[in-house]
Structures are given as C-alpha cells and as structure tokens.
C-alpha cells in the first residue's frame, strides 16, 4: 500500500492592530516656533547675555565698516583682480559671514549654564535686545548690508549679471532672515516617522500547534 503524501496546512496569520504602528505623516515641511516656553523666558532674564549685548557697545557699529575696508584691501592684493570682481567678492563674503554669525549659529558660546540652556535654540539675531524688533542696533544691522550692496552696484558699473548676483544674495542672506514674520520660526523637513511602522514590544500572534503536519494528518502515524 502506497504511503499517502503529507498535506501541508495553509496558515493565515492576521496582523494585530496594536503592531501596525503610526501612519507616516503627510507633511514634508513643518514650520514651528522655538524658545517660547515660560521657563526659558525666566532663565534669559536671570543674567545678562553678553553674547548679544556687545552689539550695543561703543564701536560695535563701526567695526562693520572697518572689516569691509580691510577685506577690500586684502582682496585687491590678489594679482589680476578687477574692481568689479573685488567689490562683488567683498559683498558676498560679508553677506555670508553675517548670515552665518547672526542667523545660522544658535546658542551662546560661554556661560550657557547660567541661563539653563534658554538660548540653545535661538540665533544671535533673535537674542539681540531680548528679541525686540526695530531697535537701533537691529536697524543698523539691517541697513549695513543694503549700503554695501549699493556701493558694490555702483563700483561694478551696474553690470546686470553682477547686480543680479548681489541682489539675490542680499535678499536671501540679509533681508529675509531678519523679517519679523520669521522671528523664532524654524522650517523642518521630513519630520514624520521614518519607518511608518513601530516595532512591537511583545509578539501577539495566535498560538499554533508545534507540529501542524501531524495535526492535519492524524492518520499518518498509522502508516509510519
């Protein structure tokens, strides 16, 4: 008598609802406000923020003019440098350095423990004058790159290509980051769950017979 072939049991394992995880967020870009908690406001008022207070000191405004002229003299020493390229480089370097200093780096480099990390999420521009808008220091910092742009436009003989480069850099690096509408606002990209499915803590699969072949073919043992 021929031995019957074993029949495999087809199992369908349902996925429990508690391990499906969170759905991926549909938002790619998220704008959120930072540094607005009450405890952070109290920590900022505990001690003087010398990281931002220097902009109101004597000579702080003049240092911008001195640095621009020093940079212009250094760039002019490069062999073959023309006045058009020189003024364009001075303008671009000033705008990039000022953006890096005032709008990119956050926190304070010293005595951070005195403020309890209240400035960790704030840029230098947001720390100046406790975040107040239209103060004399901020008006000067807003005006200085515009004056340099006008000077570079004049000394480049109103070259349309150089004018477009200088104007674009001025708007992107100096004007837009200083707008009150962007004060303490951060743009986050891809802030949703990366996987879309959370890892279950414990398995929730139904208990199965350890030997499903024997369970499906109880008569097989008689022909062993």
N, C-alpha and C. Protein backbone atom coordinates (compact mmCIF):
# COMPACT_ATOMS: atom_id res chain seq x y z
N UNK A 1 0.85 -1.20 0.00
CA UNK A 1 0.00 0.00 0.00
C UNK A 1 0.88 1.24 0.00
N UNK A 2 0.59 2.12 -0.92
CA UNK A 2 1.43 3.32 -1.03
C UNK A 2 1.18 4.28 0.13
N UNK A 3 2.27 4.91 0.49
CA UNK A 3 2.19 5.86 1.61
C UNK A 3 1.58 7.18 1.13
N UNK A 4 0.53 7.65 1.79
CA UNK A 4 -0.10 8.92 1.34
C UNK A 4 0.86 10.10 1.57
N UNK A 5 0.84 11.03 0.62
CA UNK A 5 1.69 12.23 0.74
C UNK A 5 1.13 13.17 1.80
N UNK A 6 2.00 13.74 2.56
CA UNK A 6 1.51 14.64 3.63
C UNK A 6 0.91 15.91 3.03
N UNK A 7 -0.09 16.40 3.69
CA UNK A 7 -0.74 17.64 3.29
C UNK A 7 -0.27 18.78 4.19
N UNK A 8 0.19 19.84 3.56
CA UNK A 8 0.65 20.99 4.33
C UNK A 8 -0.52 21.87 4.71
N UNK A 9 -0.46 22.34 5.91
CA UNK A 9 -1.53 23.19 6.42
C UNK A 9 -1.25 24.64 6.02
N UNK A 10 -2.18 25.27 5.38
CA UNK A 10 -2.05 26.67 4.96
C UNK A 10 -2.44 27.58 6.12
N UNK A 11 -1.50 28.34 6.57
CA UNK A 11 -1.73 29.22 7.72
C UNK A 11 -1.89 30.66 7.25
N UNK A 12 -2.84 31.32 7.81
CA UNK A 12 -3.05 32.75 7.57
C UNK A 12 -2.94 33.47 8.90
N UNK A 13 -1.85 34.21 9.07
CA UNK A 13 -1.59 34.88 10.34
C UNK A 13 -2.05 36.32 10.25
N UNK A 14 -3.07 36.69 10.99
CA UNK A 14 -3.53 38.09 10.95
C UNK A 14 -2.56 39.00 11.69
N UNK A 15 -2.43 40.21 11.21
CA UNK A 15 -1.59 41.20 11.87
C UNK A 15 -2.44 41.97 12.85
N UNK A 16 -2.15 41.86 14.15
CA UNK A 16 -2.96 42.57 15.14
C UNK A 16 -2.87 44.08 14.92
N UNK A 17 -3.92 44.76 15.36
CA UNK A 17 -3.98 46.21 15.16
C UNK A 17 -2.98 46.95 16.02
N UNK A 18 -2.52 46.35 17.14
CA UNK A 18 -1.62 47.07 18.03
C UNK A 18 -0.19 47.09 17.56
N UNK A 19 0.16 46.38 16.45
CA UNK A 19 1.52 46.42 15.95
C UNK A 19 1.59 47.07 14.57
N UNK A 20 0.47 47.63 14.13
CA UNK A 20 0.50 48.29 12.83
C UNK A 20 1.27 49.59 12.87
N UNK A 21 1.40 50.19 14.05
CA UNK A 21 2.22 51.39 14.20
C UNK A 21 1.51 52.63 13.71
N UNK A 22 2.24 53.71 13.76
CA UNK A 22 1.71 55.01 13.35
C UNK A 22 1.84 55.15 11.84
N UNK A 23 0.92 55.87 11.28
CA UNK A 23 0.97 56.13 9.86
C UNK A 23 1.96 57.24 9.58
N UNK A 24 2.57 57.18 8.42
CA UNK A 24 3.53 58.20 8.02
C UNK A 24 2.82 59.55 7.89
N UNK A 25 3.45 60.57 8.42
CA UNK A 25 2.88 61.89 8.33
C UNK A 25 2.90 62.39 6.89
N UNK A 26 1.81 63.04 6.47
CA UNK A 26 1.73 63.53 5.11
C UNK A 26 2.44 64.85 4.90
N UNK A 27 2.97 65.46 5.97
CA UNK A 27 3.61 66.76 5.86
C UNK A 27 5.12 66.58 5.67
N UNK A 28 5.66 67.18 4.61
CA UNK A 28 7.09 67.11 4.34
C UNK A 28 7.81 68.28 4.99
N UNK A 29 7.20 69.45 4.96
CA UNK A 29 7.79 70.66 5.54
C UNK A 29 6.94 71.10 6.71
N UNK A 30 7.58 71.37 7.83
CA UNK A 30 6.88 71.79 9.03
C UNK A 30 7.53 73.05 9.58
N UNK A 31 6.72 74.04 9.91
CA UNK A 31 7.20 75.29 10.50
C UNK A 31 6.77 75.32 11.96
N UNK A 32 7.73 75.48 12.86
CA UNK A 32 7.43 75.51 14.28
C UNK A 32 8.18 76.64 14.95
N UNK A 33 7.64 77.08 16.09
CA UNK A 33 8.23 78.17 16.85
C UNK A 33 9.07 77.60 17.99
N UNK A 34 10.21 78.23 18.24
CA UNK A 34 11.12 77.77 19.29
C UNK A 34 11.33 78.88 20.30
N UNK A 35 11.75 78.47 21.51
CA UNK A 35 12.14 79.43 22.53
C UNK A 35 11.01 80.23 23.13
N UNK A 36 9.79 79.69 23.16
CA UNK A 36 8.67 80.45 23.69
C UNK A 36 8.14 79.96 25.02
N UNK A 37 8.83 79.01 25.66
CA UNK A 37 8.34 78.50 26.92
C UNK A 37 8.58 79.48 28.05
N UNK A 38 7.73 79.42 29.07
CA UNK A 38 7.81 80.38 30.17
C UNK A 38 9.10 80.22 30.95
N UNK A 39 9.53 78.98 31.20
CA UNK A 39 10.75 78.76 31.96
C UNK A 39 11.98 79.28 31.22
N UNK A 40 11.95 79.22 29.87
CA UNK A 40 13.06 79.76 29.10
C UNK A 40 13.11 81.29 29.19
N UNK A 41 11.94 81.92 29.20
CA UNK A 41 11.91 83.37 29.36
C UNK A 41 12.46 83.80 30.71
N UNK A 42 12.17 83.05 31.75
CA UNK A 42 12.69 83.37 33.08
C UNK A 42 14.19 83.17 33.16
N UNK A 43 14.70 82.11 32.51
CA UNK A 43 16.14 81.86 32.53
C UNK A 43 16.92 82.93 31.77
N UNK A 44 16.34 83.48 30.70
CA UNK A 44 17.03 84.52 29.95
C UNK A 44 17.17 85.81 30.74
N UNK A 45 16.22 86.07 31.63
CA UNK A 45 16.27 87.30 32.43
C UNK A 45 17.09 87.15 33.70
N UNK A 46 17.61 85.95 33.94
CA UNK A 46 18.36 85.74 35.18
C UNK A 46 19.70 86.45 35.15
N UNK A 47 20.41 86.42 34.01
CA UNK A 47 21.73 87.03 33.88
C UNK A 47 21.82 87.80 32.57
N UNK A 48 22.77 88.69 32.49
CA UNK A 48 22.99 89.47 31.26
C UNK A 48 23.59 88.57 30.18
N UNK A 49 23.03 88.62 29.00
CA UNK A 49 23.52 87.83 27.88
C UNK A 49 24.60 88.63 27.16
N UNK A 50 25.86 88.40 27.55
CA UNK A 50 26.96 89.14 26.93
C UNK A 50 27.22 88.69 25.51
N UNK A 51 26.65 87.56 25.10
CA UNK A 51 26.82 87.10 23.73
C UNK A 51 26.13 88.03 22.74
N UNK A 52 25.04 88.67 23.15
CA UNK A 52 24.29 89.56 22.27
C UNK A 52 24.37 91.01 22.69
N UNK A 53 24.82 91.29 23.90
CA UNK A 53 24.84 92.66 24.38
C UNK A 53 25.94 93.50 23.74
N UNK A 54 26.95 92.87 23.12
CA UNK A 54 28.07 93.62 22.56
C UNK A 54 27.65 94.47 21.37
N UNK A 55 26.53 94.15 20.72
CA UNK A 55 26.11 94.93 19.56
C UNK A 55 25.68 96.34 19.95
N UNK A 56 25.41 96.57 21.23
CA UNK A 56 25.04 97.89 21.71
C UNK A 56 26.22 98.64 22.31
N UNK A 57 27.41 98.04 22.29
CA UNK A 57 28.58 98.70 22.87
C UNK A 57 29.13 99.75 21.90
N UNK A 58 29.97 100.63 22.43
CA UNK A 58 30.58 101.67 21.60
C UNK A 58 31.55 101.03 20.59
N UNK A 59 31.46 101.48 19.37
CA UNK A 59 32.33 100.96 18.32
C UNK A 59 31.81 99.72 17.64
N UNK A 60 30.67 99.15 18.11
CA UNK A 60 30.15 97.93 17.50
C UNK A 60 29.64 98.18 16.09
N UNK A 61 29.12 99.37 15.85
CA UNK A 61 28.65 99.68 14.51
C UNK A 61 29.82 99.97 13.57
N UNK A 62 30.84 100.61 14.10
CA UNK A 62 31.97 100.99 13.26
C UNK A 62 32.78 99.80 12.81
N UNK A 63 32.73 98.71 13.58
CA UNK A 63 33.54 97.54 13.25
C UNK A 63 33.13 96.94 11.91
N UNK A 64 31.87 97.11 11.51
CA UNK A 64 31.43 96.60 10.22
C UNK A 64 32.13 97.33 9.08
N UNK A 65 32.22 98.65 9.21
CA UNK A 65 32.89 99.44 8.18
C UNK A 65 34.37 99.10 8.10
N UNK A 66 35.00 98.92 9.26
CA UNK A 66 36.42 98.59 9.29
C UNK A 66 36.68 97.24 8.65
N UNK A 67 35.86 96.26 8.95
CA UNK A 67 36.04 94.92 8.38
C UNK A 67 35.83 94.92 6.87
N UNK A 68 34.87 95.70 6.40
CA UNK A 68 34.62 95.77 4.96
C UNK A 68 35.83 96.36 4.23
N UNK A 69 36.38 97.46 4.76
CA UNK A 69 37.54 98.08 4.11
C UNK A 69 38.78 97.21 4.21
N UNK A 70 38.95 96.51 5.33
CA UNK A 70 40.08 95.59 5.45
C UNK A 70 39.95 94.45 4.45
N UNK A 71 38.76 93.90 4.31
CA UNK A 71 38.55 92.85 3.34
C UNK A 71 38.77 93.31 1.92
N UNK A 72 38.36 94.56 1.63
CA UNK A 72 38.56 95.12 0.30
C UNK A 72 40.05 95.27 -0.02
N UNK A 73 40.84 95.71 0.96
CA UNK A 73 42.28 95.88 0.75
C UNK A 73 42.95 94.53 0.52
N UNK A 74 42.55 93.52 1.30
CA UNK A 74 43.16 92.20 1.15
C UNK A 74 42.82 91.59 -0.21
N UNK A 75 41.57 91.71 -0.64
CA UNK A 75 41.17 91.13 -1.92
C UNK A 75 41.84 91.85 -3.08
N UNK A 76 42.07 93.15 -2.95
CA UNK A 76 42.72 93.90 -4.03
C UNK A 76 44.18 93.49 -4.23
N UNK A 77 44.78 92.84 -3.24
CA UNK A 77 46.16 92.41 -3.38
C UNK A 77 46.30 91.15 -4.24
N UNK A 78 45.19 90.51 -4.57
CA UNK A 78 45.24 89.31 -5.42
C UNK A 78 45.61 89.73 -6.84
N UNK A 79 46.61 89.12 -7.45
CA UNK A 79 47.02 89.51 -8.82
C UNK A 79 45.89 89.32 -9.82
N UNK A 80 45.73 90.30 -10.70
CA UNK A 80 44.72 90.23 -11.74
C UNK A 80 43.32 90.55 -11.28
N UNK A 81 43.15 90.99 -10.04
CA UNK A 81 41.82 91.29 -9.51
C UNK A 81 41.31 92.61 -10.09
N UNK A 82 40.08 92.61 -10.58
CA UNK A 82 39.44 93.82 -11.08
C UNK A 82 38.54 94.41 -10.00
N UNK A 83 38.18 95.67 -10.17
CA UNK A 83 37.33 96.33 -9.19
C UNK A 83 35.92 95.75 -9.17
N UNK A 84 35.43 95.33 -10.30
CA UNK A 84 34.10 94.73 -10.33
C UNK A 84 34.04 93.43 -9.54
N UNK A 85 35.00 92.55 -9.79
CA UNK A 85 35.04 91.28 -9.06
C UNK A 85 35.39 91.51 -7.59
N UNK A 86 36.25 92.48 -7.31
CA UNK A 86 36.64 92.76 -5.94
C UNK A 86 35.45 93.19 -5.09
N UNK A 87 34.67 94.15 -5.57
CA UNK A 87 33.51 94.61 -4.80
C UNK A 87 32.45 93.53 -4.69
N UNK A 88 32.31 92.73 -5.72
CA UNK A 88 31.34 91.62 -5.65
C UNK A 88 31.76 90.60 -4.59
N UNK A 89 33.05 90.27 -4.54
CA UNK A 89 33.54 89.32 -3.54
C UNK A 89 33.39 89.89 -2.14
N UNK A 90 33.69 91.17 -1.97
CA UNK A 90 33.53 91.80 -0.65
C UNK A 90 32.08 91.71 -0.20
N UNK A 91 31.16 92.01 -1.09
CA UNK A 91 29.75 91.97 -0.74
C UNK A 91 29.30 90.55 -0.40
N UNK A 92 29.69 89.57 -1.21
CA UNK A 92 29.26 88.18 -0.98
C UNK A 92 29.87 87.62 0.30
N UNK A 93 31.14 87.92 0.54
CA UNK A 93 31.78 87.41 1.76
C UNK A 93 31.15 88.02 3.00
N UNK A 94 30.88 89.32 2.96
CA UNK A 94 30.24 89.97 4.10
C UNK A 94 28.85 89.39 4.36
N UNK A 95 28.07 89.18 3.31
CA UNK A 95 26.72 88.64 3.49
C UNK A 95 26.76 87.21 4.03
N UNK A 96 27.67 86.39 3.53
CA UNK A 96 27.74 85.01 4.01
C UNK A 96 28.21 84.94 5.46
N UNK A 97 29.21 85.73 5.82
CA UNK A 97 29.70 85.73 7.19
C UNK A 97 28.66 86.27 8.16
N UNK A 98 27.97 87.32 7.77
CA UNK A 98 26.94 87.88 8.64
C UNK A 98 25.77 86.91 8.80
N UNK A 99 25.41 86.20 7.72
CA UNK A 99 24.34 85.20 7.83
C UNK A 99 24.75 84.06 8.76
N UNK A 100 26.00 83.61 8.60
CA UNK A 100 26.49 82.54 9.46
C UNK A 100 26.52 82.96 10.93
N UNK A 101 26.89 84.19 11.17
CA UNK A 101 27.03 84.67 12.55
C UNK A 101 25.68 85.01 13.19
N UNK A 102 24.81 85.68 12.46
CA UNK A 102 23.58 86.19 13.06
C UNK A 102 22.38 85.27 12.86
N UNK A 103 22.38 84.42 11.85
CA UNK A 103 21.16 83.67 11.53
C UNK A 103 21.34 82.16 11.43
N UNK A 104 22.55 81.66 11.55
CA UNK A 104 22.75 80.21 11.42
C UNK A 104 23.15 79.57 12.75
N UNK A 105 24.16 80.09 13.39
CA UNK A 105 24.64 79.53 14.65
C UNK A 105 23.65 79.86 15.77
N UNK A 106 23.32 78.86 16.57
CA UNK A 106 22.40 79.04 17.69
C UNK A 106 23.13 78.84 19.01
N UNK A 107 22.50 79.34 20.07
CA UNK A 107 23.08 79.20 21.40
C UNK A 107 24.09 80.28 21.71
N UNK A 108 24.76 80.13 22.85
CA UNK A 108 25.81 81.05 23.27
C UNK A 108 27.07 80.25 23.58
N UNK A 109 28.25 80.78 23.24
CA UNK A 109 29.48 80.00 23.40
C UNK A 109 30.02 79.94 24.82
N UNK A 110 29.50 80.76 25.74
CA UNK A 110 30.04 80.79 27.09
C UNK A 110 28.93 81.10 28.08
N UNK A 111 29.14 80.66 29.33
CA UNK A 111 28.18 80.88 30.43
C UNK A 111 26.78 80.37 30.07
N UNK A 112 26.72 79.31 29.31
CA UNK A 112 25.42 78.77 28.94
C UNK A 112 24.70 78.16 30.13
N UNK A 113 25.47 77.65 31.10
CA UNK A 113 24.83 77.03 32.27
C UNK A 113 24.11 78.04 33.13
N UNK A 114 24.49 79.33 33.02
CA UNK A 114 23.81 80.35 33.82
C UNK A 114 22.39 80.59 33.35
N UNK A 115 22.12 80.33 32.09
CA UNK A 115 20.79 80.57 31.53
C UNK A 115 20.00 79.28 31.37
N UNK A 116 20.52 78.17 31.85
CA UNK A 116 19.78 76.92 31.78
C UNK A 116 19.47 76.46 30.37
N UNK A 117 20.31 76.79 29.40
CA UNK A 117 20.07 76.39 28.02
C UNK A 117 18.93 77.10 27.35
N UNK A 118 18.53 78.28 27.87
CA UNK A 118 17.39 79.00 27.31
C UNK A 118 17.68 79.57 25.93
N UNK A 119 18.97 79.69 25.57
CA UNK A 119 19.33 80.25 24.27
C UNK A 119 19.78 79.20 23.28
N UNK A 120 19.63 77.94 23.61
CA UNK A 120 20.15 76.87 22.75
C UNK A 120 19.50 76.87 21.37
N UNK A 121 18.24 77.25 21.27
CA UNK A 121 17.53 77.21 20.00
C UNK A 121 17.44 78.57 19.32
N UNK A 122 18.04 79.60 19.89
CA UNK A 122 17.91 80.95 19.36
C UNK A 122 19.20 81.38 18.66
N UNK A 123 19.05 82.06 17.54
CA UNK A 123 20.20 82.62 16.85
C UNK A 123 20.62 83.93 17.52
N UNK A 124 21.77 84.44 17.10
CA UNK A 124 22.24 85.70 17.67
C UNK A 124 21.28 86.84 17.36
N UNK A 125 20.71 86.87 16.16
CA UNK A 125 19.75 87.90 15.82
C UNK A 125 18.53 87.85 16.74
N UNK A 126 18.09 86.66 17.10
CA UNK A 126 16.93 86.51 17.98
C UNK A 126 17.26 86.81 19.43
N UNK A 127 18.54 86.80 19.78
CA UNK A 127 18.95 87.11 21.15
C UNK A 127 19.16 88.61 21.36
N UNK A 128 19.46 89.36 20.30
CA UNK A 128 19.76 90.78 20.43
C UNK A 128 18.55 91.53 20.96
N UNK A 129 18.78 92.36 21.98
CA UNK A 129 17.72 93.19 22.59
C UNK A 129 16.53 92.34 23.02
N UNK A 130 16.81 91.14 23.52
CA UNK A 130 15.77 90.23 24.02
C UNK A 130 14.70 89.95 22.97
N UNK A 131 15.09 89.95 21.72
CA UNK A 131 14.14 89.62 20.65
C UNK A 131 13.28 90.76 20.18
N UNK A 132 13.48 91.95 20.72
CA UNK A 132 12.68 93.11 20.30
C UNK A 132 13.02 93.50 18.86
N UNK A 133 12.01 93.95 18.14
CA UNK A 133 12.21 94.34 16.74
C UNK A 133 12.38 95.86 16.64
N UNK A 134 13.03 96.28 15.55
CA UNK A 134 13.18 97.70 15.20
C UNK A 134 13.92 98.50 16.27
N UNK A 135 14.87 97.88 16.94
CA UNK A 135 15.74 98.61 17.86
C UNK A 135 16.86 99.26 17.05
N UNK A 136 17.57 100.26 17.62
CA UNK A 136 18.64 100.91 16.85
C UNK A 136 19.70 99.95 16.34
N UNK A 137 20.09 98.98 17.14
CA UNK A 137 21.11 98.02 16.69
C UNK A 137 20.61 97.18 15.53
N UNK A 138 19.37 96.74 15.59
CA UNK A 138 18.84 95.91 14.51
C UNK A 138 18.60 96.74 13.25
N UNK A 139 18.26 98.00 13.42
CA UNK A 139 18.11 98.86 12.25
C UNK A 139 19.45 99.04 11.54
N UNK A 140 20.53 99.17 12.32
CA UNK A 140 21.85 99.30 11.70
C UNK A 140 22.27 98.01 11.01
N UNK A 141 22.05 96.88 11.66
CA UNK A 141 22.40 95.59 11.06
C UNK A 141 21.56 95.30 9.82
N UNK A 142 20.38 95.89 9.75
CA UNK A 142 19.54 95.73 8.56
C UNK A 142 19.99 96.68 7.44
N UNK A 143 20.50 97.85 7.84
CA UNK A 143 20.89 98.86 6.85
C UNK A 143 22.28 98.61 6.28
N UNK A 144 23.20 98.09 7.09
CA UNK A 144 24.60 97.93 6.66
C UNK A 144 24.74 97.09 5.39
N UNK A 145 24.13 95.93 5.28
CA UNK A 145 24.28 95.16 4.02
C UNK A 145 23.64 95.85 2.83
N UNK A 146 22.60 96.65 3.05
CA UNK A 146 21.98 97.38 1.93
C UNK A 146 22.93 98.46 1.42
N UNK A 147 23.60 99.16 2.34
CA UNK A 147 24.57 100.18 1.92
C UNK A 147 25.74 99.55 1.17
N UNK A 148 26.19 98.39 1.64
CA UNK A 148 27.28 97.71 0.94
C UNK A 148 26.83 97.24 -0.44
N UNK A 149 25.61 96.80 -0.56
CA UNK A 149 25.06 96.39 -1.86
C UNK A 149 25.02 97.58 -2.82
N UNK A 150 24.60 98.74 -2.34
CA UNK A 150 24.55 99.93 -3.20
C UNK A 150 25.95 100.34 -3.65
N UNK A 151 26.93 100.24 -2.72
CA UNK A 151 28.31 100.58 -3.08
C UNK A 151 28.86 99.60 -4.11
N UNK A 152 28.62 98.31 -3.92
CA UNK A 152 29.11 97.31 -4.87
C UNK A 152 28.44 97.46 -6.22
N UNK A 153 27.15 97.83 -6.23
CA UNK A 153 26.46 98.05 -7.50
C UNK A 153 27.06 99.24 -8.26
N UNK A 154 27.40 100.29 -7.52
CA UNK A 154 27.98 101.48 -8.15
C UNK A 154 29.37 101.18 -8.73
N UNK A 155 30.22 100.51 -7.95
CA UNK A 155 31.60 100.28 -8.39
C UNK A 155 31.72 99.13 -9.39
N UNK A 156 30.67 98.36 -9.58
CA UNK A 156 30.67 97.36 -10.66
C UNK A 156 30.05 97.92 -11.94
N UNK A 157 29.85 99.25 -11.96
CA UNK A 157 29.33 99.93 -13.16
C UNK A 157 27.98 99.38 -13.59
N UNK A 158 27.20 98.96 -12.60
CA UNK A 158 25.83 98.48 -12.82
C UNK A 158 25.79 97.34 -13.83
N UNK A 159 26.78 96.45 -13.71
CA UNK A 159 26.79 95.25 -14.56
C UNK A 159 25.56 94.40 -14.22
N UNK A 160 24.73 94.06 -15.22
CA UNK A 160 23.48 93.36 -14.91
C UNK A 160 23.67 92.00 -14.25
N UNK A 161 24.71 91.25 -14.68
CA UNK A 161 24.93 89.93 -14.08
C UNK A 161 25.40 90.05 -12.64
N UNK A 162 26.35 90.93 -12.39
CA UNK A 162 26.82 91.12 -11.03
C UNK A 162 25.74 91.74 -10.16
N UNK A 163 24.93 92.62 -10.74
CA UNK A 163 23.81 93.19 -9.99
C UNK A 163 22.83 92.11 -9.56
N UNK A 164 22.53 91.16 -10.44
CA UNK A 164 21.60 90.08 -10.11
C UNK A 164 22.18 89.19 -9.01
N UNK A 165 23.48 88.91 -9.09
CA UNK A 165 24.11 88.07 -8.05
C UNK A 165 24.09 88.77 -6.70
N UNK A 166 24.46 90.04 -6.67
CA UNK A 166 24.50 90.78 -5.41
C UNK A 166 23.10 90.98 -4.83
N UNK A 167 22.13 91.26 -5.68
CA UNK A 167 20.77 91.46 -5.20
C UNK A 167 20.17 90.17 -4.64
N UNK A 168 20.41 89.06 -5.33
CA UNK A 168 19.90 87.77 -4.84
C UNK A 168 20.51 87.41 -3.49
N UNK A 169 21.82 87.61 -3.35
CA UNK A 169 22.47 87.33 -2.07
C UNK A 169 21.96 88.24 -0.97
N UNK A 170 21.71 89.50 -1.30
CA UNK A 170 21.18 90.43 -0.30
C UNK A 170 19.81 90.01 0.21
N UNK A 171 18.94 89.62 -0.70
CA UNK A 171 17.58 89.24 -0.30
C UNK A 171 17.58 87.95 0.51
N UNK A 172 18.33 86.96 0.03
CA UNK A 172 18.30 85.64 0.66
C UNK A 172 19.05 85.61 1.99
N UNK A 173 20.20 86.26 2.05
CA UNK A 173 21.08 86.14 3.22
C UNK A 173 20.93 87.26 4.23
N UNK A 174 20.38 88.41 3.84
CA UNK A 174 20.34 89.55 4.75
C UNK A 174 18.95 90.07 5.06
N UNK A 175 18.06 90.07 4.09
CA UNK A 175 16.74 90.68 4.30
C UNK A 175 15.72 89.68 4.83
N UNK A 176 15.57 88.57 4.13
CA UNK A 176 14.55 87.59 4.54
C UNK A 176 14.79 87.04 5.96
N UNK A 177 16.01 86.66 6.35
CA UNK A 177 16.18 86.14 7.71
C UNK A 177 15.89 87.16 8.82
N UNK A 178 15.89 88.45 8.49
CA UNK A 178 15.66 89.48 9.50
C UNK A 178 14.21 89.92 9.60
N UNK A 179 13.33 89.37 8.79
CA UNK A 179 11.94 89.78 8.82
C UNK A 179 11.27 89.36 10.12
N UNK A 180 10.43 90.22 10.69
CA UNK A 180 9.74 89.85 11.95
C UNK A 180 8.86 88.62 11.82
N UNK A 181 8.34 88.35 10.62
CA UNK A 181 7.48 87.18 10.43
C UNK A 181 8.23 85.87 10.63
N UNK A 182 9.56 85.89 10.50
CA UNK A 182 10.36 84.68 10.65
C UNK A 182 11.04 84.61 12.01
N UNK A 183 10.67 85.50 12.92
CA UNK A 183 11.31 85.52 14.24
C UNK A 183 10.99 84.24 15.01
N UNK A 184 12.03 83.52 15.40
CA UNK A 184 11.93 82.27 16.16
C UNK A 184 11.10 81.20 15.43
N UNK A 185 11.08 81.26 14.12
CA UNK A 185 10.40 80.25 13.31
C UNK A 185 11.45 79.33 12.68
N UNK A 186 11.17 78.04 12.69
CA UNK A 186 12.08 77.05 12.13
C UNK A 186 11.33 76.20 11.11
N UNK A 187 11.99 75.94 10.01
CA UNK A 187 11.44 75.09 8.96
C UNK A 187 12.08 73.72 9.08
N UNK A 188 11.26 72.70 9.33
CA UNK A 188 11.75 71.33 9.48
C UNK A 188 11.32 70.52 8.27
N UNK A 189 12.23 69.68 7.79
CA UNK A 189 11.94 68.84 6.65
C UNK A 189 11.88 67.38 7.09
N UNK A 190 10.86 66.67 6.57
CA UNK A 190 10.71 65.22 6.80
C UNK A 190 10.76 64.92 8.29
N UNK A 191 9.83 65.50 9.04
CA UNK A 191 9.79 65.30 10.48
C UNK A 191 8.94 64.11 10.90
N UNK A 192 8.29 63.42 9.94
CA UNK A 192 7.44 62.30 10.28
C UNK A 192 8.23 61.06 10.62
N UNK A 193 7.52 59.97 10.98
CA UNK A 193 8.17 58.70 11.31
C UNK A 193 8.85 58.16 10.07
N UNK A 194 10.12 57.78 10.20
CA UNK A 194 10.90 57.34 9.04
C UNK A 194 10.43 55.98 8.53
N UNK A 195 10.03 55.07 9.42
CA UNK A 195 9.66 53.73 9.00
C UNK A 195 8.18 53.59 8.70
N UNK A 196 7.35 54.32 9.43
CA UNK A 196 5.91 54.20 9.25
C UNK A 196 5.30 53.09 10.06
N UNK A 197 6.10 52.17 10.60
CA UNK A 197 5.61 51.06 11.41
C UNK A 197 6.45 50.98 12.66
N UNK A 198 5.80 50.94 13.80
CA UNK A 198 6.52 50.82 15.06
C UNK A 198 6.83 49.37 15.37
N UNK A 199 7.89 49.12 16.10
CA UNK A 199 8.30 47.77 16.46
C UNK A 199 7.49 47.28 17.65
N UNK A 200 6.82 46.12 17.56
CA UNK A 200 6.01 45.65 18.69
C UNK A 200 6.90 45.26 19.86
N UNK A 201 6.40 45.49 21.06
CA UNK A 201 7.15 45.13 22.26
C UNK A 201 7.13 43.64 22.48
N UNK A 202 5.96 43.01 22.38
CA UNK A 202 5.81 41.56 22.55
C UNK A 202 5.02 41.02 21.37
N UNK A 203 5.31 39.81 20.93
CA UNK A 203 4.54 39.23 19.82
C UNK A 203 3.11 38.97 20.22
N UNK A 204 2.20 39.16 19.28
CA UNK A 204 0.78 38.97 19.55
C UNK A 204 0.17 37.95 18.60
N UNK A 205 0.98 37.02 18.10
CA UNK A 205 0.47 36.03 17.16
C UNK A 205 -0.28 34.94 17.92
N UNK A 206 -1.29 34.36 17.29
CA UNK A 206 -2.04 33.27 17.96
C UNK A 206 -1.18 32.03 18.11
N UNK A 207 -1.43 31.29 19.18
CA UNK A 207 -0.68 30.07 19.45
C UNK A 207 -1.08 28.99 18.47
N UNK A 208 -0.08 28.33 17.90
CA UNK A 208 -0.31 27.26 16.93
C UNK A 208 0.29 25.97 17.45
N UNK A 209 -0.18 24.85 16.89
CA UNK A 209 0.39 23.56 17.23
C UNK A 209 1.83 23.50 16.74
N UNK A 210 2.72 22.99 17.56
CA UNK A 210 4.12 22.94 17.20
C UNK A 210 4.39 22.01 16.04
N UNK A 211 3.53 21.08 15.76
CA UNK A 211 3.69 20.15 14.64
C UNK A 211 2.42 20.17 13.82
N UNK A 212 2.23 21.17 12.94
CA UNK A 212 0.96 21.26 12.20
C UNK A 212 0.76 20.12 11.22
N UNK A 213 1.82 19.46 10.77
CA UNK A 213 1.67 18.36 9.81
C UNK A 213 0.94 17.19 10.46
N UNK A 214 1.35 16.88 11.68
CA UNK A 214 0.67 15.78 12.38
C UNK A 214 -0.74 16.18 12.75
N UNK A 215 -0.95 17.46 13.02
CA UNK A 215 -2.29 17.88 13.37
C UNK A 215 -3.22 17.81 12.17
N UNK A 216 -2.69 18.04 11.00
CA UNK A 216 -3.53 18.00 9.80
C UNK A 216 -3.72 16.58 9.28
N UNK A 217 -2.82 15.69 9.60
CA UNK A 217 -2.88 14.32 9.10
C UNK A 217 -2.76 13.36 10.28
N UNK A 218 -3.82 13.22 11.04
CA UNK A 218 -3.73 12.32 12.21
C UNK A 218 -3.57 10.87 11.80
N UNK A 219 -3.97 10.52 10.59
CA UNK A 219 -3.86 9.11 10.16
C UNK A 219 -2.49 8.77 9.68
N UNK A 220 -1.58 9.73 9.55
CA UNK A 220 -0.27 9.47 9.01
C UNK A 220 0.57 8.56 9.94
N UNK A 221 0.28 8.69 11.24
CA UNK A 221 1.07 7.90 12.19
C UNK A 221 0.78 6.41 12.08
N UNK A 222 -0.38 6.03 11.53
CA UNK A 222 -0.70 4.61 11.40
C UNK A 222 0.05 3.98 10.26
N UNK A 223 0.58 4.79 9.36
CA UNK A 223 1.30 4.24 8.23
C UNK A 223 2.83 4.44 8.36
N UNK A 224 3.22 4.84 9.57
CA UNK A 224 4.65 5.02 9.79
C UNK A 224 5.32 3.69 9.79
